[in-house]
Amino acid sequence: MGNVERCDKTLPTNAMMYAVRKDAALRARWRTDLEGLAREFGLSRAEYEAIRDKDPRRLMDLGVHQYYVPQILRLFFGNAQNSNSSETLECYRRAFPAETTQALELQARLERRRG
């Protein structure tokens, strides 16, 4: 899915996420004024829309660091949902349907082996 080599270190989304993850006031603005926050950090329309749409594939294709993609989704959905039916997984499932299917099939095979 993601890889560090495709990360664009100059991408405004990466700078914004670095700041947001360290600042409670910015995290609060994320929930109330995402578009204004995006403008303040100089995000392109494509960056803003990929975040707004919660689209991991577009985020990675734009050059968002793979570490920040799950953090972006956590800002929308929280981090308590660590299951195969979470909203976060649904975002990945839509963005990467083939890869998600393969991963879930592998998980099912491994669980069957464990008994």
PDB file of N, CA and C in Angstrom:
ATOM      1  N   MET A   1       0.829  -1.178   0.000  1.00  0.00           N
ATOM      2  CA  MET A   1       0.000   0.000   0.000  1.00  0.00           C
ATOM      3  C   MET A   1       0.872   1.240   0.000  1.00  0.00           C
ATOM      4  N   GLY A   2       1.318   1.694   1.139  1.00  0.00           N
ATOM      5  CA  GLY A   2       2.121   2.901   1.180  1.00  0.00           C
ATOM      6  C   GLY A   2       3.593   2.559   1.185  1.00  0.00           C
ATOM      7  N   ASN A   3       4.407   3.538   0.846  1.00  0.00           N
ATOM      8  CA  ASN A   3       5.834   3.343   1.027  1.00  0.00           C
ATOM      9  C   ASN A   3       6.511   4.686   1.195  1.00  0.00           C
ATOM     10  N   VAL A   4       7.540   4.691   1.972  1.00  0.00           N
ATOM     11  CA  VAL A   4       8.220   5.914   2.357  1.00  0.00           C
ATOM     12  C   VAL A   4       8.842   6.616   1.158  1.00  0.00           C
ATOM     13  N   GLU A   5       9.250   5.871   0.151  1.00  0.00           N
ATOM     14  CA  GLU A   5       9.888   6.473  -1.016  1.00  0.00           C
ATOM     15  C   GLU A   5       8.956   7.417  -1.759  1.00  0.00           C
ATOM     16  N   ARG A   6       7.648   7.213  -1.650  1.00  0.00           N
ATOM     17  CA  ARG A   6       6.692   8.071  -2.346  1.00  0.00           C
ATOM     18  C   ARG A   6       6.300   9.291  -1.526  1.00  0.00           C
ATOM     19  N   CYS A   7       6.789   9.393  -0.327  1.00  0.00           N
ATOM     20  CA  CYS A   7       6.463  10.522   0.540  1.00  0.00           C
ATOM     21  C   CYS A   7       7.065  11.806  -0.025  1.00  0.00           C
ATOM     22  N   ASP A   8       6.242  12.845  -0.091  1.00  0.00           N
ATOM     23  CA  ASP A   8       6.689  14.168  -0.533  1.00  0.00           C
ATOM     24  C   ASP A   8       6.917  15.020   0.707  1.00  0.00           C
ATOM     25  N   LYS A   9       8.170  15.189   1.077  1.00  0.00           N
ATOM     26  CA  LYS A   9       8.493  15.908   2.314  1.00  0.00           C
ATOM     27  C   LYS A   9       8.090  17.374   2.261  1.00  0.00           C
ATOM     28  N   THR A  10       7.820  17.906   1.062  1.00  0.00           N
ATOM     29  CA  THR A  10       7.405  19.301   0.937  1.00  0.00           C
ATOM     30  C   THR A  10       5.887  19.469   0.929  1.00  0.00           C
ATOM     31  N   LEU A  11       5.147  18.379   0.978  1.00  0.00           N
ATOM     32  CA  LEU A  11       3.687  18.423   0.898  1.00  0.00           C
ATOM     33  C   LEU A  11       3.107  19.098   2.145  1.00  0.00           C
ATOM     34  N   PRO A  12       2.265  20.111   1.970  1.00  0.00           N
ATOM     35  CA  PRO A  12       1.687  20.790   3.127  1.00  0.00           C
ATOM     36  C   PRO A  12       0.918  19.875   4.078  1.00  0.00           C
ATOM     37  N   THR A  13       0.287  18.822   3.562  1.00  0.00           N
ATOM     38  CA  THR A  13      -0.438  17.905   4.448  1.00  0.00           C
ATOM     39  C   THR A  13       0.498  17.287   5.482  1.00  0.00           C
ATOM     40  N   ASN A  14       1.712  16.924   5.070  1.00  0.00           N
ATOM     41  CA  ASN A  14       2.661  16.337   6.019  1.00  0.00           C
ATOM     42  C   ASN A  14       3.016  17.338   7.112  1.00  0.00           C
ATOM     43  N   ALA A  15       3.236  18.589   6.748  1.00  0.00           N
ATOM     44  CA  ALA A  15       3.540  19.621   7.746  1.00  0.00           C
ATOM     45  C   ALA A  15       2.338  19.837   8.667  1.00  0.00           C
ATOM     46  N   MET A  16       1.143  19.857   8.093  1.00  0.00           N
ATOM     47  CA  MET A  16      -0.057  20.049   8.904  1.00  0.00           C
ATOM     48  C   MET A  16      -0.218  18.905   9.900  1.00  0.00           C
ATOM     49  N   MET A  17      -0.042  17.679   9.430  1.00  0.00           N
ATOM     50  CA  MET A  17      -0.228  16.536  10.326  1.00  0.00           C
ATOM     51  C   MET A  17       0.822  16.512  11.432  1.00  0.00           C
ATOM     52  N   TYR A  18       2.031  16.918  11.132  1.00  0.00           N
ATOM     53  CA  TYR A  18       3.072  17.000  12.165  1.00  0.00           C
ATOM     54  C   TYR A  18       2.604  17.952  13.265  1.00  0.00           C
ATOM     55  N   ALA A  19       2.042  19.095  12.862  1.00  0.00           N
ATOM     56  CA  ALA A  19       1.583  20.083  13.839  1.00  0.00           C
ATOM     57  C   ALA A  19       0.320  19.617  14.566  1.00  0.00           C
ATOM     58  N   VAL A  20      -0.636  19.071  13.835  1.00  0.00           N
ATOM     59  CA  VAL A  20      -1.916  18.673  14.427  1.00  0.00           C
ATOM     60  C   VAL A  20      -1.726  17.587  15.479  1.00  0.00           C
ATOM     61  N   ARG A  21      -0.853  16.650  15.224  1.00  0.00           N
ATOM     62  CA  ARG A  21      -0.701  15.549  16.181  1.00  0.00           C
ATOM     63  C   ARG A  21      -0.083  16.003  17.498  1.00  0.00           C
ATOM     64  N   LYS A  22       0.534  17.189  17.520  1.00  0.00           N
ATOM     65  CA  LYS A  22       1.180  17.685  18.728  1.00  0.00           C
ATOM     66  C   LYS A  22       0.382  18.778  19.437  1.00  0.00           C
ATOM     67  N   ASP A  23      -0.736  19.216  18.861  1.00  0.00           N
ATOM     68  CA  ASP A  23      -1.421  20.404  19.368  1.00  0.00           C
ATOM     69  C   ASP A  23      -2.920  20.153  19.531  1.00  0.00           C
ATOM     70  N   ALA A  24      -3.388  20.136  20.763  1.00  0.00           N
ATOM     71  CA  ALA A  24      -4.801  19.857  21.042  1.00  0.00           C
ATOM     72  C   ALA A  24      -5.721  20.895  20.408  1.00  0.00           C
ATOM     73  N   ALA A  25      -5.312  22.152  20.364  1.00  0.00           N
ATOM     74  CA  ALA A  25      -6.153  23.190  19.756  1.00  0.00           C
ATOM     75  C   ALA A  25      -6.321  22.935  18.255  1.00  0.00           C
ATOM     76  N   LEU A  26      -5.258  22.497  17.597  1.00  0.00           N
ATOM     77  CA  LEU A  26      -5.368  22.175  16.170  1.00  0.00           C
ATOM     78  C   LEU A  26      -6.243  20.946  15.953  1.00  0.00           C
ATOM     79  N   ARG A  27      -6.144  19.971  16.853  1.00  0.00           N
ATOM     80  CA  ARG A  27      -7.009  18.783  16.734  1.00  0.00           C
ATOM     81  C   ARG A  27      -8.476  19.178  16.905  1.00  0.00           C
ATOM     82  N   ALA A  28      -8.748  20.118  17.790  1.00  0.00           N
ATOM     83  CA  ALA A  28     -10.122  20.600  17.972  1.00  0.00           C
ATOM     84  C   ALA A  28     -10.595  21.317  16.705  1.00  0.00           C
ATOM     85  N   ARG A  29      -9.737  22.117  16.102  1.00  0.00           N
ATOM     86  CA  ARG A  29     -10.099  22.800  14.850  1.00  0.00           C
ATOM     87  C   ARG A  29     -10.350  21.801  13.735  1.00  0.00           C
ATOM     88  N   TRP A  30      -9.636  20.691  13.752  1.00  0.00           N
ATOM     89  CA  TRP A  30      -9.834  19.638  12.750  1.00  0.00           C
ATOM     90  C   TRP A  30     -11.310  19.244  12.713  1.00  0.00           C
ATOM     91  N   ARG A  31     -11.895  19.118  13.906  1.00  0.00           N
ATOM     92  CA  ARG A  31     -13.292  18.681  14.006  1.00  0.00           C
ATOM     93  C   ARG A  31     -14.285  19.788  13.649  1.00  0.00           C
ATOM     94  N   THR A  32     -13.877  21.045  13.818  1.00  0.00           N
ATOM     95  CA  THR A  32     -14.828  22.137  13.623  1.00  0.00           C
ATOM     96  C   THR A  32     -14.573  22.978  12.373  1.00  0.00           C
ATOM     97  N   ASP A  33     -13.344  22.982  11.869  1.00  0.00           N
ATOM     98  CA  ASP A  33     -12.999  23.852  10.737  1.00  0.00           C
ATOM     99  C   ASP A  33     -11.872  23.246   9.907  1.00  0.00           C
ATOM    100  N   LEU A  34     -12.098  22.040   9.424  1.00  0.00           N
ATOM    101  CA  LEU A  34     -11.067  21.346   8.655  1.00  0.00           C
ATOM    102  C   LEU A  34     -10.662  22.149   7.419  1.00  0.00           C
ATOM    103  N   GLU A  35     -11.630  22.700   6.719  1.00  0.00           N
ATOM    104  CA  GLU A  35     -11.302  23.440   5.501  1.00  0.00           C
ATOM    105  C   GLU A  35     -10.459  24.680   5.816  1.00  0.00           C
ATOM    106  N   GLY A  36     -10.803  25.401   6.874  1.00  0.00           N
ATOM    107  CA  GLY A  36     -10.018  26.566   7.270  1.00  0.00           C
ATOM    108  C   GLY A  36      -8.613  26.175   7.695  1.00  0.00           C
ATOM    109  N   LEU A  37      -8.494  25.087   8.418  1.00  0.00           N
ATOM    110  CA  LEU A  37      -7.183  24.588   8.841  1.00  0.00           C
ATOM    111  C   LEU A  37      -6.345  24.222   7.617  1.00  0.00           C
ATOM    112  N   ALA A  38      -6.968  23.569   6.659  1.00  0.00           N
ATOM    113  CA  ALA A  38      -6.263  23.195   5.422  1.00  0.00           C
ATOM    114  C   ALA A  38      -5.771  24.438   4.682  1.00  0.00           C
ATOM    115  N   ARG A  39      -6.611  25.452   4.611  1.00  0.00           N
ATOM    116  CA  ARG A  39      -6.190  26.711   3.959  1.00  0.00           C
ATOM    117  C   ARG A  39      -5.022  27.348   4.696  1.00  0.00           C
ATOM    118  N   GLU A  40      -5.112  27.349   6.020  1.00  0.00           N
ATOM    119  CA  GLU A  40      -4.052  27.956   6.840  1.00  0.00           C
ATOM    120  C   GLU A  40      -2.698  27.295   6.593  1.00  0.00           C
ATOM    121  N   PHE A  41      -2.692  25.988   6.374  1.00  0.00           N
ATOM    122  CA  PHE A  41      -1.442  25.269   6.140  1.00  0.00           C
ATOM    123  C   PHE A  41      -1.076  25.200   4.661  1.00  0.00           C
ATOM    124  N   GLY A  42      -1.903  25.764   3.789  1.00  0.00           N
ATOM    125  CA  GLY A  42      -1.578  25.830   2.367  1.00  0.00           C
ATOM    126  C   GLY A  42      -1.819  24.557   1.582  1.00  0.00           C
ATOM    127  N   LEU A  43      -2.763  23.720   2.032  1.00  0.00           N
ATOM    128  CA  LEU A  43      -3.058  22.489   1.303  1.00  0.00           C
ATOM    129  C   LEU A  43      -3.712  22.811  -0.032  1.00  0.00           C
ATOM    130  N   SER A  44      -3.414  22.001  -1.014  1.00  0.00           N
ATOM    131  CA  SER A  44      -4.097  22.113  -2.306  1.00  0.00           C
ATOM    132  C   SER A  44      -5.521  21.599  -2.139  1.00  0.00           C
ATOM    133  N   ARG A  45      -6.353  21.903  -3.114  1.00  0.00           N
ATOM    134  CA  ARG A  45      -7.730  21.403  -3.096  1.00  0.00           C
ATOM    135  C   ARG A  45      -7.736  19.870  -3.096  1.00  0.00           C
ATOM    136  N   ALA A  46      -6.830  19.270  -3.873  1.00  0.00           N
ATOM    137  CA  ALA A  46      -6.745  17.805  -3.942  1.00  0.00           C
ATOM    138  C   ALA A  46      -6.384  17.208  -2.587  1.00  0.00           C
ATOM    139  N   GLU A  47      -5.460  17.854  -1.876  1.00  0.00           N
ATOM    140  CA  GLU A  47      -5.089  17.359  -0.543  1.00  0.00           C
ATOM    141  C   GLU A  47      -6.279  17.444   0.404  1.00  0.00           C
ATOM    142  N   TYR A  48      -6.919  18.616   0.422  1.00  0.00           N
ATOM    143  CA  TYR A  48      -8.073  18.807   1.307  1.00  0.00           C
ATOM    144  C   TYR A  48      -9.157  17.776   1.008  1.00  0.00           C
ATOM    145  N   GLU A  49      -9.470  17.584  -0.266  1.00  0.00           N
ATOM    146  CA  GLU A  49     -10.543  16.654  -0.630  1.00  0.00           C
ATOM    147  C   GLU A  49     -10.191  15.213  -0.284  1.00  0.00           C
ATOM    148  N   ALA A  50      -8.940  14.827  -0.419  1.00  0.00           N
ATOM    149  CA  ALA A  50      -8.534  13.462  -0.047  1.00  0.00           C
ATOM    150  C   ALA A  50      -8.693  13.251   1.455  1.00  0.00           C
ATOM    151  N   ILE A  51      -8.370  14.284   2.230  1.00  0.00           N
ATOM    152  CA  ILE A  51      -8.560  14.191   3.684  1.00  0.00           C
ATOM    153  C   ILE A  51     -10.048  14.162   4.003  1.00  0.00           C
ATOM    154  N   ARG A  52     -10.781  15.110   3.461  1.00  0.00           N
ATOM    155  CA  ARG A  52     -12.227  15.204   3.711  1.00  0.00           C
ATOM    156  C   ARG A  52     -12.932  13.897   3.357  1.00  0.00           C
ATOM    157  N   ASP A  53     -12.507  13.295   2.236  1.00  0.00           N
ATOM    158  CA  ASP A  53     -13.133  12.063   1.768  1.00  0.00           C
ATOM    159  C   ASP A  53     -12.598  10.810   2.456  1.00  0.00           C
ATOM    160  N   LYS A  54     -11.601  11.007   3.325  1.00  0.00           N
ATOM    161  CA  LYS A  54     -11.021   9.883   4.082  1.00  0.00           C
ATOM    162  C   LYS A  54     -10.535   8.790   3.137  1.00  0.00           C
ATOM    163  N   ASP A  55      -9.734   9.188   2.136  1.00  0.00           N
ATOM    164  CA  ASP A  55      -9.304   8.283   1.074  1.00  0.00           C
ATOM    165  C   ASP A  55      -7.812   7.976   1.185  1.00  0.00           C
ATOM    166  N   PRO A  56      -7.457   6.851   1.798  1.00  0.00           N
ATOM    167  CA  PRO A  56      -6.044   6.513   1.984  1.00  0.00           C
ATOM    168  C   PRO A  56      -5.250   6.436   0.684  1.00  0.00           C
ATOM    169  N   ARG A  57      -5.834   5.887  -0.367  1.00  0.00           N
ATOM    170  CA  ARG A  57      -5.095   5.747  -1.631  1.00  0.00           C
ATOM    171  C   ARG A  57      -4.740   7.114  -2.198  1.00  0.00           C
ATOM    172  N   ARG A  58      -5.700   8.026  -2.264  1.00  0.00           N
ATOM    173  CA  ARG A  58      -5.399   9.359  -2.794  1.00  0.00           C
ATOM    174  C   ARG A  58      -4.376  10.071  -1.922  1.00  0.00           C
ATOM    175  N   LEU A  59      -4.500   9.917  -0.603  1.00  0.00           N
ATOM    176  CA  LEU A  59      -3.534  10.548   0.299  1.00  0.00           C
ATOM    177  C   LEU A  59      -2.116  10.054  -0.004  1.00  0.00           C
ATOM    178  N   MET A  60      -1.966   8.749  -0.129  1.00  0.00           N
ATOM    179  CA  MET A  60      -0.638   8.193  -0.419  1.00  0.00           C
ATOM    180  C   MET A  60      -0.170   8.587  -1.810  1.00  0.00           C
ATOM    181  N   ASP A  61      -1.083   8.586  -2.784  1.00  0.00           N
ATOM    182  CA  ASP A  61      -0.708   8.988  -4.139  1.00  0.00           C
ATOM    183  C   ASP A  61      -0.242  10.440  -4.194  1.00  0.00           C
ATOM    184  N   LEU A  62      -0.801  11.272  -3.333  1.00  0.00           N
ATOM    185  CA  LEU A  62      -0.389  12.678  -3.282  1.00  0.00           C
ATOM    186  C   LEU A  62       0.970  12.862  -2.610  1.00  0.00           C
ATOM    187  N   GLY A  63       1.394  11.863  -1.830  1.00  0.00           N
ATOM    188  CA  GLY A  63       2.686  11.951  -1.162  1.00  0.00           C
ATOM    189  C   GLY A  63       2.601  12.113   0.340  1.00  0.00           C
ATOM    190  N   VAL A  64       1.410  11.891   0.907  1.00  0.00           N
ATOM    191  CA  VAL A  64       1.282  11.942   2.367  1.00  0.00           C
ATOM    192  C   VAL A  64       2.077  10.781   2.946  1.00  0.00           C
ATOM    193  N   HIS A  65       2.834  11.050   3.982  1.00  0.00           N
ATOM    194  CA  HIS A  65       3.641  10.005   4.618  1.00  0.00           C
ATOM    195  C   HIS A  65       2.728   8.903   5.133  1.00  0.00           C
ATOM    196  N   GLN A  66       3.122   7.673   4.903  1.00  0.00           N
ATOM    197  CA  GLN A  66       2.283   6.530   5.290  1.00  0.00           C
ATOM    198  C   GLN A  66       1.999   6.499   6.787  1.00  0.00           C
ATOM    199  N   TYR A  67       2.833   7.092   7.605  1.00  0.00           N
ATOM    200  CA  TYR A  67       2.604   7.173   9.049  1.00  0.00           C
ATOM    201  C   TYR A  67       1.424   8.091   9.364  1.00  0.00           C
ATOM    202  N   TYR A  68       1.229   9.125   8.554  1.00  0.00           N
ATOM    203  CA  TYR A  68       0.168  10.087   8.818  1.00  0.00           C
ATOM    204  C   TYR A  68      -1.204   9.623   8.337  1.00  0.00           C
ATOM    205  N   VAL A  69      -1.271   8.732   7.380  1.00  0.00           N
ATOM    206  CA  VAL A  69      -2.569   8.311   6.843  1.00  0.00           C
ATOM    207  C   VAL A  69      -3.451   7.703   7.937  1.00  0.00           C
ATOM    208  N   PRO A  70      -2.972   6.734   8.726  1.00  0.00           N
ATOM    209  CA  PRO A  70      -3.837   6.221   9.793  1.00  0.00           C
ATOM    210  C   PRO A  70      -4.131   7.272  10.860  1.00  0.00           C
ATOM    211  N   GLN A  71      -3.186   8.199  11.073  1.00  0.00           N
ATOM    212  CA  GLN A  71      -3.458   9.266  12.042  1.00  0.00           C
ATOM    213  C   GLN A  71      -4.586  10.163  11.567  1.00  0.00           C
ATOM    214  N   ILE A  72      -4.630  10.435  10.260  1.00  0.00           N
ATOM    215  CA  ILE A  72      -5.727  11.224   9.698  1.00  0.00           C
ATOM    216  C   ILE A  72      -7.059  10.513   9.958  1.00  0.00           C
ATOM    217  N   LEU A  73      -7.102   9.222   9.703  1.00  0.00           N
ATOM    218  CA  LEU A  73      -8.343   8.478   9.922  1.00  0.00           C
ATOM    219  C   LEU A  73      -8.715   8.434  11.395  1.00  0.00           C
ATOM    220  N   ARG A  74      -7.725   8.339  12.283  1.00  0.00           N
ATOM    221  CA  ARG A  74      -8.004   8.359  13.728  1.00  0.00           C
ATOM    222  C   ARG A  74      -8.634   9.684  14.154  1.00  0.00           C
ATOM    223  N   LEU A  75      -8.225  10.776  13.513  1.00  0.00           N
ATOM    224  CA  LEU A  75      -8.819  12.069  13.853  1.00  0.00           C
ATOM    225  C   LEU A  75     -10.307  12.099  13.519  1.00  0.00           C
ATOM    226  N   PHE A  76     -10.724  11.347  12.531  1.00  0.00           N
ATOM    227  CA  PHE A  76     -12.142  11.257  12.181  1.00  0.00           C
ATOM    228  C   PHE A  76     -12.881  10.224  13.034  1.00  0.00           C
ATOM    229  N   PHE A  77     -12.259   9.066  13.255  1.00  0.00           N
ATOM    230  CA  PHE A  77     -12.976   7.937  13.845  1.00  0.00           C
ATOM    231  C   PHE A  77     -12.534   7.553  15.250  1.00  0.00           C
ATOM    232  N   GLY A  78     -11.471   8.147  15.756  1.00  0.00           N
ATOM    233  CA  GLY A  78     -10.929   7.728  17.041  1.00  0.00           C
ATOM    234  C   GLY A  78     -10.024   6.525  16.865  1.00  0.00           C
ATOM    235  N   ASN A  79      -9.498   6.018  17.955  1.00  0.00           N
ATOM    236  CA  ASN A  79      -8.569   4.890  17.849  1.00  0.00           C
ATOM    237  C   ASN A  79      -9.048   3.666  18.601  1.00  0.00           C
ATOM    238  N   ALA A  80     -10.291   3.670  19.022  1.00  0.00           N
ATOM    239  CA  ALA A  80     -10.807   2.524  19.768  1.00  0.00           C
ATOM    240  C   ALA A  80     -11.321   1.422  18.862  1.00  0.00           C
ATOM    241  N   GLN A  81     -11.422   1.688  17.584  1.00  0.00           N
ATOM    242  CA  GLN A  81     -12.003   0.709  16.660  1.00  0.00           C
ATOM    243  C   GLN A  81     -10.916  -0.112  15.988  1.00  0.00           C
ATOM    244  N   ASN A  82     -10.507  -1.152  16.614  1.00  0.00           N
ATOM    245  CA  ASN A  82      -9.484  -2.006  16.029  1.00  0.00           C
ATOM    246  C   ASN A  82     -10.103  -3.360  15.702  1.00  0.00           C
ATOM    247  N   SER A  83     -10.986  -3.335  14.692  1.00  0.00           N
ATOM    248  CA  SER A  83     -11.663  -4.571  14.309  1.00  0.00           C
ATOM    249  C   SER A  83     -11.849  -4.601  12.805  1.00  0.00           C
ATOM    250  N   ASN A  84     -12.265  -5.738  12.316  1.00  0.00           N
ATOM    251  CA  ASN A  84     -12.475  -5.890  10.878  1.00  0.00           C
ATOM    252  C   ASN A  84     -13.765  -5.240  10.398  1.00  0.00           C
ATOM    253  N   SER A  85     -14.489  -4.593  11.279  1.00  0.00           N
ATOM    254  CA  SER A  85     -15.706  -3.899  10.866  1.00  0.00           C
ATOM    255  C   SER A  85     -15.635  -2.406  11.193  1.00  0.00           C
ATOM    256  N   SER A  86     -14.461  -1.892  11.453  1.00  0.00           N
ATOM    257  CA  SER A  86     -14.315  -0.486  11.832  1.00  0.00           C
ATOM    258  C   SER A  86     -14.483   0.434  10.632  1.00  0.00           C
ATOM    259  N   GLU A  87     -14.840   1.684  10.907  1.00  0.00           N
ATOM    260  CA  GLU A  87     -14.947   2.684   9.847  1.00  0.00           C
ATOM    261  C   GLU A  87     -13.592   2.913   9.183  1.00  0.00           C
ATOM    262  N   THR A  88     -12.528   2.833   9.966  1.00  0.00           N
ATOM    263  CA  THR A  88     -11.189   3.010   9.409  1.00  0.00           C
ATOM    264  C   THR A  88     -10.885   1.923   8.386  1.00  0.00           C
ATOM    265  N   LEU A  89     -11.160   0.688   8.734  1.00  0.00           N
ATOM    266  CA  LEU A  89     -10.914  -0.398   7.784  1.00  0.00           C
ATOM    267  C   LEU A  89     -11.780  -0.233   6.539  1.00  0.00           C
ATOM    268  N   GLU A  90     -12.981   0.251   6.697  1.00  0.00           N
ATOM    269  CA  GLU A  90     -13.838   0.471   5.528  1.00  0.00           C
ATOM    270  C   GLU A  90     -13.212   1.489   4.573  1.00  0.00           C
ATOM    271  N   CYS A  91     -12.548   2.507   5.101  1.00  0.00           N
ATOM    272  CA  CYS A  91     -11.848   3.474   4.243  1.00  0.00           C
ATOM    273  C   CYS A  91     -10.757   2.770   3.437  1.00  0.00           C
ATOM    274  N   TYR A  92      -9.975   1.929   4.103  1.00  0.00           N
ATOM    275  CA  TYR A  92      -8.919   1.183   3.405  1.00  0.00           C
ATOM    276  C   TYR A  92      -9.525   0.187   2.414  1.00  0.00           C
ATOM    277  N   ARG A  93     -10.619  -0.438   2.810  1.00  0.00           N
ATOM    278  CA  ARG A  93     -11.268  -1.426   1.931  1.00  0.00           C
ATOM    279  C   ARG A  93     -11.722  -0.764   0.628  1.00  0.00           C
ATOM    280  N   ARG A  94     -12.282   0.445   0.719  1.00  0.00           N
ATOM    281  CA  ARG A  94     -12.701   1.164  -0.494  1.00  0.00           C
ATOM    282  C   ARG A  94     -11.497   1.593  -1.320  1.00  0.00           C
ATOM    283  N   ALA A  95     -10.438   2.032  -0.660  1.00  0.00           N
ATOM    284  CA  ALA A  95      -9.255   2.542  -1.366  1.00  0.00           C
ATOM    285  C   ALA A  95      -8.416   1.418  -1.961  1.00  0.00           C
ATOM    286  N   PHE A  96      -8.353   0.287  -1.281  1.00  0.00           N
ATOM    287  CA  PHE A  96      -7.500  -0.829  -1.691  1.00  0.00           C
ATOM    288  C   PHE A  96      -8.301  -2.132  -1.649  1.00  0.00           C
ATOM    289  N   PRO A  97      -9.279  -2.298  -2.526  1.00  0.00           N
ATOM    290  CA  PRO A  97     -10.152  -3.476  -2.412  1.00  0.00           C
ATOM    291  C   PRO A  97      -9.428  -4.807  -2.568  1.00  0.00           C
ATOM    292  N   ALA A  98      -8.554  -4.932  -3.540  1.00  0.00           N
ATOM    293  CA  ALA A  98      -7.860  -6.212  -3.761  1.00  0.00           C
ATOM    294  C   ALA A  98      -6.935  -6.533  -2.595  1.00  0.00           C
ATOM    295  N   GLU A  99      -6.180  -5.542  -2.163  1.00  0.00           N
ATOM    296  CA  GLU A  99      -5.234  -5.763  -1.069  1.00  0.00           C
ATOM    297  C   GLU A  99      -5.956  -6.104   0.237  1.00  0.00           C
ATOM    298  N   THR A 100      -7.087  -5.438   0.487  1.00  0.00           N
ATOM    299  CA  THR A 100      -7.847  -5.713   1.708  1.00  0.00           C
ATOM    300  C   THR A 100      -8.404  -7.129   1.680  1.00  0.00           C
ATOM    301  N   THR A 101      -8.938  -7.540   0.534  1.00  0.00           N
ATOM    302  CA  THR A 101      -9.462  -8.898   0.404  1.00  0.00           C
ATOM    303  C   THR A 101      -8.365  -9.924   0.669  1.00  0.00           C
ATOM    304  N   GLN A 102      -7.191  -9.711   0.084  1.00  0.00           N
ATOM    305  CA  GLN A 102      -6.071 -10.643   0.305  1.00  0.00           C
ATOM    306  C   GLN A 102      -5.679 -10.690   1.772  1.00  0.00           C
ATOM    307  N   ALA A 103      -5.610  -9.534   2.419  1.00  0.00           N
ATOM    308  CA  ALA A 103      -5.214  -9.488   3.828  1.00  0.00           C
ATOM    309  C   ALA A 103      -6.234 -10.190   4.715  1.00  0.00           C
ATOM    310  N   LEU A 104      -7.516  -9.970   4.454  1.00  0.00           N
ATOM    311  CA  LEU A 104      -8.544 -10.615   5.263  1.00  0.00           C
ATOM    312  C   LEU A 104      -8.589 -12.119   5.022  1.00  0.00           C
ATOM    313  N   GLU A 105      -8.340 -12.553   3.788  1.00  0.00           N
ATOM    314  CA  GLU A 105      -8.280 -13.990   3.508  1.00  0.00           C
ATOM    315  C   GLU A 105      -7.101 -14.629   4.227  1.00  0.00           C
ATOM    316  N   LEU A 106      -5.969 -13.960   4.216  1.00  0.00           N
ATOM    317  CA  LEU A 106      -4.798 -14.473   4.937  1.00  0.00           C
ATOM    318  C   LEU A 106      -5.093 -14.559   6.427  1.00  0.00           C
ATOM    319  N   GLN A 107      -5.711 -13.532   6.972  1.00  0.00           N
ATOM    320  CA  GLN A 107      -6.041 -13.549   8.393  1.00  0.00           C
ATOM    321  C   GLN A 107      -6.967 -14.717   8.722  1.00  0.00           C
ATOM    322  N   ALA A 108      -7.963 -14.959   7.881  1.00  0.00           N
ATOM    323  CA  ALA A 108      -8.896 -16.066   8.117  1.00  0.00           C
ATOM    324  C   ALA A 108      -8.177 -17.408   8.074  1.00  0.00           C
ATOM    325  N   ARG A 109      -7.257 -17.575   7.110  1.00  0.00           N
ATOM    326  CA  ARG A 109      -6.481 -18.824   7.031  1.00  0.00           C
ATOM    327  C   ARG A 109      -5.643 -19.023   8.294  1.00  0.00           C
ATOM    328  N   LEU A 110      -5.007 -17.970   8.750  1.00  0.00           N
ATOM    329  CA  LEU A 110      -4.180 -18.071   9.945  1.00  0.00           C
ATOM    330  C   LEU A 110      -5.026 -18.392  11.181  1.00  0.00           C
ATOM    331  N   GLU A 111      -6.196 -17.805  11.261  1.00  0.00           N
ATOM    332  CA  GLU A 111      -7.066 -18.088  12.394  1.00  0.00           C
ATOM    333  C   GLU A 111      -7.573 -19.525  12.362  1.00  0.00           C
ATOM    334  N   ARG A 112      -7.849 -20.057  11.163  1.00  0.00           N
ATOM    335  CA  ARG A 112      -8.275 -21.459  11.052  1.00  0.00           C
ATOM    336  C   ARG A 112      -7.152 -22.392  11.503  1.00  0.00           C
ATOM    337  N   ARG A 113      -5.915 -22.076  11.171  1.00  0.00           N
ATOM    338  CA  ARG A 113      -4.782 -22.913  11.584  1.00  0.00           C
ATOM    339  C   ARG A 113      -4.630 -22.948  13.100  1.00  0.00           C
ATOM    340  N   ARG A 114      -4.908 -21.801  13.726  1.00  0.00           N
ATOM    341  CA  ARG A 114      -4.775 -21.724  15.192  1.00  0.00           C
ATOM    342  C   ARG A 114      -5.870 -22.501  15.896  1.00  0.00           C
ATOM    343  N   GLY A 115      -6.928 -22.762  15.161  1.00  0.00           N
ATOM    344  CA  GLY A 115      -7.981 -23.594  15.715  1.00  0.00           C
ATOM    345  C   GLY A 115      -9.137 -22.877  16.200  1.00  0.00           C
TER     346      GLY A 115
END
